[in-house]
């Protein structure tokens, strides 16, 4: 079979899996249903992906980040408001997450019983750690408040993903979200 055709089948399976994981979550998704959505025999999936976990890895690959590295890259003392406050790496990461929003939603909300089931909490923790680098700039600093801000920011980001209406709309809303949280904590 020509390589192009193999690549097309692999991508068809990956897209079907992304759709199924998004609709049902990883735990309830089945290889049989993924094969049905990809219009291929169920056994053929295993010629491309060794397991449902391997398929999940392929679906999530574009949105797998070392959150600490993303948040600590560039200038630690940001200036400006909204998205201007973000480093280039943070902005690039957010643009990728918006582009691959279904995969990001799967990783954050639909990966029960996988190695990614705590990924949302890891992201929140890294945002907290990052904000704590600026605690001297925050009047009446309280670590619980920082946790609430980080947690609500991630939930806000996910709501933008769930209700996505286009890149311009998402970036505008994301800018408002960033501004509200950073001004709210006094950075």
N, C-alpha and C. Protein backbone atom coordinates (compact mmCIF):
# COMPACT_ATOMS: atom_id res chain seq x y z
N UNK A 1 0.85 -1.18 0.00
CA UNK A 1 0.00 0.00 0.00
C UNK A 1 0.90 1.24 0.00
N UNK A 2 0.66 2.18 -0.89
CA UNK A 2 1.49 3.38 -0.95
C UNK A 2 1.47 4.14 0.39
N UNK A 3 2.59 4.80 0.70
CA UNK A 3 2.74 5.52 1.97
C UNK A 3 1.68 6.60 2.15
N UNK A 4 1.32 7.29 1.07
CA UNK A 4 0.31 8.35 1.15
C UNK A 4 -1.00 7.79 1.65
N UNK A 5 -1.40 6.64 1.12
CA UNK A 5 -2.64 6.01 1.54
C UNK A 5 -2.56 5.60 3.01
N UNK A 6 -1.43 5.05 3.43
CA UNK A 6 -1.24 4.68 4.84
C UNK A 6 -1.37 5.90 5.74
N UNK A 7 -0.76 7.00 5.33
CA UNK A 7 -0.85 8.23 6.12
C UNK A 7 -2.28 8.74 6.19
N UNK A 8 -3.00 8.62 5.08
CA UNK A 8 -4.41 9.05 5.07
C UNK A 8 -5.24 8.20 6.02
N UNK A 9 -5.02 6.90 6.02
CA UNK A 9 -5.76 6.00 6.93
C UNK A 9 -5.40 6.31 8.38
N UNK A 10 -4.12 6.49 8.66
CA UNK A 10 -3.67 6.82 10.02
C UNK A 10 -4.36 8.10 10.51
N UNK A 11 -4.41 9.11 9.65
CA UNK A 11 -5.03 10.39 10.03
C UNK A 11 -6.54 10.23 10.18
N UNK A 12 -7.15 9.43 9.34
CA UNK A 12 -8.59 9.17 9.43
C UNK A 12 -8.92 8.51 10.77
N UNK A 13 -8.10 7.57 11.19
CA UNK A 13 -8.28 6.90 12.48
C UNK A 13 -8.10 7.89 13.61
N UNK A 14 -7.05 8.71 13.52
CA UNK A 14 -6.76 9.68 14.58
C UNK A 14 -7.92 10.67 14.73
N UNK A 15 -8.43 11.15 13.60
CA UNK A 15 -9.55 12.10 13.65
C UNK A 15 -10.81 11.45 14.22
N UNK A 16 -11.07 10.21 13.83
CA UNK A 16 -12.23 9.49 14.37
C UNK A 16 -12.08 9.29 15.87
N UNK A 17 -10.88 8.98 16.31
CA UNK A 17 -10.62 8.79 17.74
C UNK A 17 -10.81 10.11 18.49
N UNK A 18 -10.32 11.20 17.92
CA UNK A 18 -10.48 12.50 18.58
C UNK A 18 -11.97 12.82 18.75
N UNK A 19 -12.73 12.57 17.71
CA UNK A 19 -14.18 12.81 17.78
C UNK A 19 -14.84 11.94 18.85
N UNK A 20 -14.47 10.67 18.88
CA UNK A 20 -15.06 9.73 19.85
C UNK A 20 -14.64 10.07 21.28
N UNK A 21 -13.35 10.37 21.49
CA UNK A 21 -12.87 10.75 22.83
C UNK A 21 -13.55 12.03 23.29
N UNK A 22 -13.75 12.96 22.37
CA UNK A 22 -14.39 14.23 22.71
C UNK A 22 -15.86 14.00 23.10
N UNK A 23 -16.55 13.17 22.35
CA UNK A 23 -17.97 12.92 22.61
C UNK A 23 -18.20 12.08 23.86
N UNK A 24 -17.37 11.03 24.04
CA UNK A 24 -17.66 10.06 25.10
C UNK A 24 -16.65 10.04 26.24
N UNK A 25 -15.50 10.66 26.03
CA UNK A 25 -14.42 10.54 27.00
C UNK A 25 -13.63 9.27 26.69
N UNK A 26 -12.39 9.25 27.13
CA UNK A 26 -11.52 8.12 26.83
C UNK A 26 -12.08 6.80 27.34
N UNK A 27 -12.54 6.78 28.57
CA UNK A 27 -12.98 5.52 29.20
C UNK A 27 -14.14 4.86 28.47
N UNK A 28 -15.07 5.66 27.96
CA UNK A 28 -16.26 5.09 27.32
C UNK A 28 -16.10 4.90 25.81
N UNK A 29 -15.04 5.45 25.24
CA UNK A 29 -14.80 5.28 23.81
C UNK A 29 -14.35 3.84 23.54
N UNK A 30 -14.77 3.32 22.40
CA UNK A 30 -14.35 1.97 22.03
C UNK A 30 -13.64 1.98 20.68
N UNK A 31 -12.72 1.04 20.54
CA UNK A 31 -12.00 0.92 19.27
C UNK A 31 -12.98 0.56 18.15
N UNK A 32 -13.98 -0.20 18.45
CA UNK A 32 -14.98 -0.59 17.46
C UNK A 32 -15.71 0.64 16.92
N UNK A 33 -16.11 1.55 17.81
CA UNK A 33 -16.81 2.76 17.40
C UNK A 33 -15.87 3.70 16.62
N UNK A 34 -14.61 3.76 17.05
CA UNK A 34 -13.62 4.57 16.34
C UNK A 34 -13.45 4.04 14.91
N UNK A 35 -13.35 2.73 14.78
CA UNK A 35 -13.21 2.11 13.46
C UNK A 35 -14.44 2.40 12.60
N UNK A 36 -15.61 2.31 13.22
CA UNK A 36 -16.85 2.61 12.50
C UNK A 36 -16.84 4.05 11.98
N UNK A 37 -16.44 5.00 12.83
CA UNK A 37 -16.38 6.41 12.41
C UNK A 37 -15.34 6.63 11.32
N UNK A 38 -14.26 5.84 11.36
CA UNK A 38 -13.21 5.96 10.35
C UNK A 38 -13.54 5.15 9.09
N UNK A 39 -14.63 4.41 9.13
CA UNK A 39 -15.07 3.56 8.00
C UNK A 39 -14.01 2.53 7.61
N UNK A 40 -13.46 1.88 8.64
CA UNK A 40 -12.47 0.82 8.41
C UNK A 40 -12.81 -0.37 9.31
N UNK A 41 -12.29 -1.55 9.00
CA UNK A 41 -12.49 -2.69 9.90
C UNK A 41 -11.78 -2.44 11.25
N UNK A 42 -12.40 -2.86 12.33
CA UNK A 42 -11.85 -2.61 13.67
C UNK A 42 -10.42 -3.12 13.81
N UNK A 43 -10.13 -4.27 13.27
CA UNK A 43 -8.79 -4.85 13.39
C UNK A 43 -7.71 -4.03 12.71
N UNK A 44 -8.09 -3.25 11.71
CA UNK A 44 -7.11 -2.45 10.98
C UNK A 44 -6.49 -1.35 11.85
N UNK A 45 -7.24 -0.87 12.83
CA UNK A 45 -6.70 0.17 13.73
C UNK A 45 -5.38 -0.29 14.33
N UNK A 46 -5.31 -1.56 14.72
CA UNK A 46 -4.12 -2.08 15.40
C UNK A 46 -2.90 -2.19 14.48
N UNK A 47 -3.10 -2.05 13.19
CA UNK A 47 -1.97 -1.98 12.27
C UNK A 47 -1.31 -0.60 12.33
N UNK A 48 -2.05 0.37 12.87
CA UNK A 48 -1.57 1.75 12.93
C UNK A 48 -1.29 2.21 14.37
N UNK A 49 -2.09 1.74 15.29
CA UNK A 49 -1.96 2.11 16.71
C UNK A 49 -2.06 0.85 17.55
N UNK A 50 -1.08 0.63 18.39
CA UNK A 50 -1.00 -0.62 19.14
C UNK A 50 -2.09 -0.78 20.20
N UNK A 51 -2.67 0.34 20.63
CA UNK A 51 -3.69 0.28 21.69
C UNK A 51 -4.49 1.58 21.71
N UNK A 52 -5.54 1.58 22.49
CA UNK A 52 -6.34 2.79 22.66
C UNK A 52 -5.49 3.89 23.31
N UNK A 53 -4.59 3.50 24.22
CA UNK A 53 -3.68 4.46 24.85
C UNK A 53 -2.75 5.11 23.81
N UNK A 54 -2.25 4.32 22.88
CA UNK A 54 -1.37 4.85 21.83
C UNK A 54 -2.15 5.81 20.93
N UNK A 55 -3.40 5.49 20.69
CA UNK A 55 -4.26 6.37 19.89
C UNK A 55 -4.52 7.68 20.64
N UNK A 56 -4.76 7.58 21.93
CA UNK A 56 -4.93 8.79 22.75
C UNK A 56 -3.68 9.66 22.68
N UNK A 57 -2.52 9.04 22.78
CA UNK A 57 -1.27 9.78 22.70
C UNK A 57 -1.17 10.54 21.38
N UNK A 58 -1.55 9.90 20.30
CA UNK A 58 -1.52 10.54 18.98
C UNK A 58 -2.49 11.72 18.91
N UNK A 59 -3.66 11.56 19.49
CA UNK A 59 -4.66 12.63 19.50
C UNK A 59 -4.17 13.83 20.32
N UNK A 60 -3.55 13.56 21.46
CA UNK A 60 -3.14 14.63 22.37
C UNK A 60 -1.79 15.25 22.03
N UNK A 61 -1.02 14.61 21.16
CA UNK A 61 0.35 15.07 20.89
C UNK A 61 0.48 16.58 20.66
N UNK A 62 -0.40 17.20 19.87
CA UNK A 62 -0.22 18.64 19.62
C UNK A 62 -0.38 19.52 20.87
N UNK A 63 -1.06 19.01 21.90
CA UNK A 63 -1.33 19.85 23.09
C UNK A 63 -0.58 19.37 24.33
N UNK A 64 0.35 18.48 24.16
CA UNK A 64 1.16 18.02 25.30
C UNK A 64 2.31 19.00 25.48
N UNK A 65 2.31 19.67 26.60
CA UNK A 65 3.32 20.67 26.91
C UNK A 65 3.93 20.39 28.28
N UNK A 66 5.15 20.85 28.41
CA UNK A 66 5.77 20.96 29.73
C UNK A 66 5.32 22.34 30.23
N UNK A 67 4.25 22.37 31.01
CA UNK A 67 3.63 23.62 31.43
C UNK A 67 4.63 24.53 32.13
N UNK A 68 5.47 23.96 32.97
CA UNK A 68 6.45 24.77 33.70
C UNK A 68 7.39 25.47 32.71
N UNK A 69 7.85 24.74 31.72
CA UNK A 69 8.76 25.32 30.73
C UNK A 69 8.08 26.44 29.96
N UNK A 70 6.83 26.24 29.57
CA UNK A 70 6.09 27.28 28.84
C UNK A 70 5.95 28.53 29.70
N UNK A 71 5.58 28.33 30.97
CA UNK A 71 5.29 29.47 31.85
C UNK A 71 6.54 30.19 32.33
N UNK A 72 7.67 29.51 32.31
CA UNK A 72 8.89 30.15 32.82
C UNK A 72 9.83 30.59 31.70
N UNK A 73 9.41 30.41 30.47
CA UNK A 73 10.25 30.85 29.35
C UNK A 73 10.12 32.36 29.20
N UNK A 74 11.13 32.96 28.69
CA UNK A 74 11.08 34.40 28.44
C UNK A 74 11.21 35.21 29.71
N UNK A 75 10.76 36.43 29.65
CA UNK A 75 10.88 37.39 30.74
C UNK A 75 9.94 37.02 31.89
N UNK A 76 10.49 36.89 33.09
CA UNK A 76 9.68 36.55 34.26
C UNK A 76 8.86 37.74 34.76
N UNK A 77 9.28 38.94 34.45
CA UNK A 77 8.56 40.13 34.89
C UNK A 77 7.93 40.79 33.68
N UNK A 78 6.76 40.32 33.35
CA UNK A 78 6.05 40.76 32.16
C UNK A 78 5.53 42.19 32.35
N UNK A 79 5.31 42.84 31.24
CA UNK A 79 4.74 44.18 31.26
C UNK A 79 3.59 44.22 30.28
N UNK A 80 2.75 45.23 30.41
CA UNK A 80 1.62 45.37 29.51
C UNK A 80 0.38 44.76 30.12
N UNK A 81 -0.68 44.74 29.34
CA UNK A 81 -1.94 44.19 29.83
C UNK A 81 -2.42 43.09 28.92
N UNK A 82 -3.33 42.28 29.42
CA UNK A 82 -3.92 41.21 28.63
C UNK A 82 -2.88 40.28 28.05
N UNK A 83 -3.07 39.90 26.78
CA UNK A 83 -2.16 38.96 26.13
C UNK A 83 -0.76 39.53 25.96
N UNK A 84 -0.62 40.88 25.99
CA UNK A 84 0.71 41.49 25.91
C UNK A 84 1.57 41.10 27.11
N UNK A 85 0.92 40.73 28.20
CA UNK A 85 1.62 40.33 29.41
C UNK A 85 2.31 38.98 29.23
N UNK A 86 1.84 38.20 28.28
CA UNK A 86 2.35 36.86 28.06
C UNK A 86 3.65 36.86 27.28
N UNK A 87 4.49 35.88 27.54
CA UNK A 87 5.70 35.70 26.75
C UNK A 87 5.31 35.15 25.37
N UNK A 88 6.23 35.20 24.44
CA UNK A 88 5.98 34.65 23.10
C UNK A 88 5.62 33.17 23.21
N UNK A 89 6.34 32.43 24.06
CA UNK A 89 6.08 30.99 24.22
C UNK A 89 4.68 30.74 24.78
N UNK A 90 4.25 31.57 25.73
CA UNK A 90 2.91 31.43 26.29
C UNK A 90 1.84 31.72 25.22
N UNK A 91 2.06 32.77 24.44
CA UNK A 91 1.11 33.09 23.36
C UNK A 91 1.06 31.98 22.32
N UNK A 92 2.23 31.47 21.92
CA UNK A 92 2.27 30.37 20.94
C UNK A 92 1.55 29.13 21.48
N UNK A 93 1.77 28.84 22.75
CA UNK A 93 1.09 27.70 23.37
C UNK A 93 -0.42 27.89 23.33
N UNK A 94 -0.90 29.07 23.72
CA UNK A 94 -2.34 29.33 23.72
C UNK A 94 -2.92 29.25 22.31
N UNK A 95 -2.19 29.73 21.32
CA UNK A 95 -2.68 29.64 19.94
C UNK A 95 -2.77 28.19 19.49
N UNK A 96 -1.80 27.38 19.87
CA UNK A 96 -1.86 25.95 19.54
C UNK A 96 -3.03 25.29 20.25
N UNK A 97 -3.23 25.62 21.52
CA UNK A 97 -4.35 25.04 22.27
C UNK A 97 -5.68 25.43 21.64
N UNK A 98 -5.79 26.67 21.18
CA UNK A 98 -7.02 27.09 20.51
C UNK A 98 -7.21 26.33 19.20
N UNK A 99 -6.15 26.19 18.44
CA UNK A 99 -6.22 25.47 17.16
C UNK A 99 -6.62 24.01 17.37
N UNK A 100 -6.04 23.38 18.39
CA UNK A 100 -6.32 21.97 18.69
C UNK A 100 -7.18 21.85 19.94
N UNK A 101 -8.21 22.68 20.00
CA UNK A 101 -9.03 22.80 21.22
C UNK A 101 -9.73 21.50 21.61
N UNK A 102 -10.16 20.70 20.64
CA UNK A 102 -10.81 19.44 21.01
C UNK A 102 -9.83 18.53 21.75
N UNK A 103 -8.61 18.46 21.26
CA UNK A 103 -7.60 17.64 21.93
C UNK A 103 -7.31 18.19 23.33
N UNK A 104 -7.25 19.52 23.46
CA UNK A 104 -7.00 20.13 24.78
C UNK A 104 -8.15 19.82 25.74
N UNK A 105 -9.38 19.91 25.26
CA UNK A 105 -10.55 19.59 26.10
C UNK A 105 -10.49 18.12 26.52
N UNK A 106 -10.15 17.25 25.59
CA UNK A 106 -10.03 15.83 25.92
C UNK A 106 -9.01 15.65 27.04
N UNK A 107 -7.84 16.28 26.89
CA UNK A 107 -6.79 16.11 27.89
C UNK A 107 -7.21 16.68 29.24
N UNK A 108 -7.90 17.81 29.26
CA UNK A 108 -8.26 18.45 30.51
C UNK A 108 -9.47 17.82 31.19
N UNK A 109 -10.45 17.39 30.39
CA UNK A 109 -11.74 16.98 30.97
C UNK A 109 -12.19 15.55 30.67
N UNK A 110 -11.51 14.85 29.76
CA UNK A 110 -12.08 13.58 29.30
C UNK A 110 -11.07 12.43 29.30
N UNK A 111 -10.11 12.49 30.19
CA UNK A 111 -9.05 11.46 30.21
C UNK A 111 -9.02 10.67 31.52
N UNK A 112 -10.19 10.41 32.06
CA UNK A 112 -10.24 9.61 33.29
C UNK A 112 -9.59 8.25 33.04
N UNK A 113 -8.88 7.77 34.03
CA UNK A 113 -8.19 6.47 33.98
C UNK A 113 -7.06 6.42 32.96
N UNK A 114 -6.41 7.56 32.73
CA UNK A 114 -5.24 7.60 31.86
C UNK A 114 -4.14 8.36 32.60
N UNK A 115 -2.96 8.37 32.02
CA UNK A 115 -1.86 9.12 32.63
C UNK A 115 -2.10 10.63 32.56
N UNK A 116 -3.11 11.06 31.83
CA UNK A 116 -3.43 12.48 31.70
C UNK A 116 -4.57 12.93 32.62
N UNK A 117 -5.11 12.05 33.43
CA UNK A 117 -6.28 12.43 34.21
C UNK A 117 -6.01 13.54 35.22
N UNK A 118 -4.76 13.77 35.58
CA UNK A 118 -4.40 14.85 36.50
C UNK A 118 -3.79 16.05 35.78
N UNK A 119 -3.86 16.09 34.46
CA UNK A 119 -3.20 17.15 33.69
C UNK A 119 -3.78 18.53 33.99
N UNK A 120 -5.07 18.61 34.18
CA UNK A 120 -5.69 19.90 34.52
C UNK A 120 -5.14 20.42 35.85
N UNK A 121 -5.01 19.53 36.82
CA UNK A 121 -4.47 19.94 38.12
C UNK A 121 -3.00 20.33 38.00
N UNK A 122 -2.25 19.64 37.13
CA UNK A 122 -0.84 20.00 36.91
C UNK A 122 -0.73 21.39 36.29
N UNK A 123 -1.60 21.69 35.33
CA UNK A 123 -1.59 23.02 34.72
C UNK A 123 -1.93 24.09 35.76
N UNK A 124 -2.95 23.85 36.54
CA UNK A 124 -3.34 24.81 37.59
C UNK A 124 -2.17 25.03 38.55
N UNK A 125 -1.52 23.96 38.96
CA UNK A 125 -0.39 24.06 39.88
C UNK A 125 0.76 24.87 39.28
N UNK A 126 1.04 24.67 38.01
CA UNK A 126 2.13 25.42 37.37
C UNK A 126 1.77 26.90 37.21
N UNK A 127 0.51 27.20 36.95
CA UNK A 127 0.08 28.61 36.89
C UNK A 127 0.22 29.23 38.27
N UNK A 128 -0.19 28.50 39.31
CA UNK A 128 -0.01 28.98 40.68
C UNK A 128 1.45 29.28 40.97
N UNK A 129 2.32 28.33 40.64
CA UNK A 129 3.75 28.52 40.87
C UNK A 129 4.26 29.75 40.14
N UNK A 130 3.80 29.93 38.92
CA UNK A 130 4.22 31.08 38.12
C UNK A 130 3.73 32.38 38.75
N UNK A 131 2.48 32.42 39.17
CA UNK A 131 1.95 33.63 39.82
C UNK A 131 2.66 33.90 41.14
N UNK A 132 3.04 32.84 41.83
CA UNK A 132 3.75 33.02 43.10
C UNK A 132 5.11 33.66 42.92
N UNK A 133 5.68 33.60 41.72
CA UNK A 133 6.93 34.31 41.45
C UNK A 133 6.75 35.82 41.57
N UNK A 134 5.50 36.27 41.45
CA UNK A 134 5.18 37.69 41.48
C UNK A 134 4.50 38.09 42.78
N UNK A 135 4.59 37.28 43.82
CA UNK A 135 3.82 37.56 45.04
C UNK A 135 4.20 38.87 45.71
N UNK A 136 5.43 39.32 45.50
CA UNK A 136 5.82 40.61 46.11
C UNK A 136 5.08 41.78 45.46
N UNK A 137 4.52 41.56 44.27
CA UNK A 137 3.77 42.60 43.59
C UNK A 137 2.29 42.58 43.99
N UNK A 138 1.88 41.58 44.73
CA UNK A 138 0.47 41.39 45.06
C UNK A 138 0.22 41.87 46.48
N UNK A 139 -0.61 42.92 46.61
CA UNK A 139 -0.93 43.39 47.96
C UNK A 139 -1.84 42.37 48.62
N UNK A 140 -1.63 42.16 49.91
CA UNK A 140 -2.43 41.21 50.70
C UNK A 140 -2.40 39.81 50.09
N UNK A 141 -1.21 39.36 49.74
CA UNK A 141 -0.99 38.06 49.12
C UNK A 141 -1.57 36.93 49.97
N UNK A 142 -2.25 35.98 49.32
CA UNK A 142 -2.78 34.80 49.99
C UNK A 142 -2.68 33.62 49.00
N UNK A 143 -1.98 32.54 49.36
CA UNK A 143 -1.82 31.41 48.43
C UNK A 143 -3.13 30.74 48.02
N UNK A 144 -4.13 30.76 48.88
CA UNK A 144 -5.42 30.17 48.52
C UNK A 144 -6.07 31.00 47.42
N UNK A 145 -5.95 32.31 47.53
CA UNK A 145 -6.48 33.20 46.50
C UNK A 145 -5.80 32.94 45.16
N UNK A 146 -4.49 32.75 45.18
CA UNK A 146 -3.74 32.46 43.96
C UNK A 146 -4.23 31.13 43.36
N UNK A 147 -4.49 30.15 44.21
CA UNK A 147 -5.02 28.87 43.73
C UNK A 147 -6.38 29.08 43.04
N UNK A 148 -7.23 29.87 43.66
CA UNK A 148 -8.55 30.15 43.09
C UNK A 148 -8.41 30.84 41.73
N UNK A 149 -7.51 31.81 41.64
CA UNK A 149 -7.29 32.52 40.38
C UNK A 149 -6.81 31.55 39.30
N UNK A 150 -5.81 30.71 39.63
CA UNK A 150 -5.26 29.76 38.65
C UNK A 150 -6.33 28.77 38.20
N UNK A 151 -7.09 28.25 39.14
CA UNK A 151 -8.13 27.28 38.83
C UNK A 151 -9.22 27.90 37.96
N UNK A 152 -9.65 29.09 38.32
CA UNK A 152 -10.69 29.77 37.54
C UNK A 152 -10.18 30.18 36.16
N UNK A 153 -8.90 30.52 36.06
CA UNK A 153 -8.34 30.87 34.76
C UNK A 153 -8.40 29.65 33.82
N UNK A 154 -8.00 28.50 34.32
CA UNK A 154 -8.03 27.28 33.49
C UNK A 154 -9.47 26.95 33.10
N UNK A 155 -10.40 27.09 34.05
CA UNK A 155 -11.81 26.85 33.72
C UNK A 155 -12.30 27.85 32.67
N UNK A 156 -11.88 29.11 32.79
CA UNK A 156 -12.26 30.12 31.79
C UNK A 156 -11.69 29.78 30.43
N UNK A 157 -10.44 29.34 30.39
CA UNK A 157 -9.80 28.93 29.13
C UNK A 157 -10.58 27.78 28.50
N UNK A 158 -10.98 26.82 29.32
CA UNK A 158 -11.77 25.69 28.81
C UNK A 158 -13.14 26.14 28.28
N UNK A 159 -13.75 27.10 28.95
CA UNK A 159 -15.04 27.60 28.47
C UNK A 159 -14.90 28.28 27.10
N UNK A 160 -13.78 29.00 26.92
CA UNK A 160 -13.52 29.59 25.60
C UNK A 160 -13.40 28.47 24.56
N UNK A 161 -12.74 27.38 24.92
CA UNK A 161 -12.57 26.26 23.99
C UNK A 161 -13.93 25.60 23.68
N UNK A 162 -14.72 25.37 24.71
CA UNK A 162 -16.02 24.71 24.51
C UNK A 162 -16.97 25.55 23.66
N UNK A 163 -16.90 26.86 23.79
CA UNK A 163 -17.85 27.75 23.11
C UNK A 163 -17.21 28.49 21.93
N UNK A 164 -16.15 27.97 21.41
CA UNK A 164 -15.33 28.59 20.38
C UNK A 164 -16.17 29.12 19.21
N UNK A 165 -15.93 30.39 18.86
CA UNK A 165 -16.65 31.03 17.74
C UNK A 165 -15.68 31.60 16.71
N UNK A 166 -14.44 31.22 16.79
CA UNK A 166 -13.45 31.72 15.85
C UNK A 166 -12.24 32.27 16.59
N UNK A 167 -11.11 32.34 15.87
CA UNK A 167 -9.86 32.75 16.51
C UNK A 167 -9.92 34.19 17.03
N UNK A 168 -10.46 35.10 16.24
CA UNK A 168 -10.52 36.50 16.68
C UNK A 168 -11.36 36.63 17.95
N UNK A 169 -12.52 35.98 17.97
CA UNK A 169 -13.40 35.99 19.14
C UNK A 169 -12.67 35.39 20.35
N UNK A 170 -12.01 34.26 20.14
CA UNK A 170 -11.33 33.57 21.24
C UNK A 170 -10.20 34.43 21.80
N UNK A 171 -9.41 35.05 20.93
CA UNK A 171 -8.29 35.88 21.39
C UNK A 171 -8.80 37.12 22.14
N UNK A 172 -9.90 37.68 21.67
CA UNK A 172 -10.50 38.83 22.35
C UNK A 172 -10.95 38.43 23.75
N UNK A 173 -11.64 37.31 23.84
CA UNK A 173 -12.11 36.83 25.14
C UNK A 173 -10.95 36.44 26.05
N UNK A 174 -9.96 35.80 25.47
CA UNK A 174 -8.78 35.40 26.23
C UNK A 174 -8.06 36.64 26.77
N UNK A 175 -7.96 37.67 25.96
CA UNK A 175 -7.35 38.93 26.40
C UNK A 175 -8.11 39.51 27.59
N UNK A 176 -9.44 39.50 27.51
CA UNK A 176 -10.26 39.99 28.62
C UNK A 176 -10.04 39.15 29.88
N UNK A 177 -9.97 37.84 29.69
CA UNK A 177 -9.77 36.93 30.82
C UNK A 177 -8.43 37.19 31.51
N UNK A 178 -7.39 37.29 30.71
CA UNK A 178 -6.05 37.55 31.26
C UNK A 178 -6.02 38.88 31.98
N UNK A 179 -6.57 39.91 31.37
CA UNK A 179 -6.59 41.23 31.98
C UNK A 179 -7.36 41.20 33.30
N UNK A 180 -8.52 40.58 33.30
CA UNK A 180 -9.35 40.54 34.52
C UNK A 180 -8.60 39.84 35.66
N UNK A 181 -7.96 38.73 35.37
CA UNK A 181 -7.27 38.01 36.43
C UNK A 181 -6.02 38.73 36.90
N UNK A 182 -5.22 39.26 35.98
CA UNK A 182 -3.98 39.91 36.39
C UNK A 182 -4.24 41.22 37.09
N UNK A 183 -5.19 42.00 36.60
CA UNK A 183 -5.53 43.25 37.29
C UNK A 183 -6.21 42.95 38.62
N UNK A 184 -6.98 41.86 38.63
CA UNK A 184 -7.69 41.48 39.86
C UNK A 184 -6.75 41.11 40.99
N UNK A 185 -5.58 40.54 40.64
CA UNK A 185 -4.64 40.18 41.71
C UNK A 185 -3.55 41.22 41.89
N UNK A 186 -3.60 42.26 41.08
CA UNK A 186 -2.70 43.38 41.29
C UNK A 186 -1.35 43.27 40.61
N UNK A 187 -1.24 42.47 39.55
CA UNK A 187 0.05 42.38 38.83
C UNK A 187 0.00 43.34 37.66
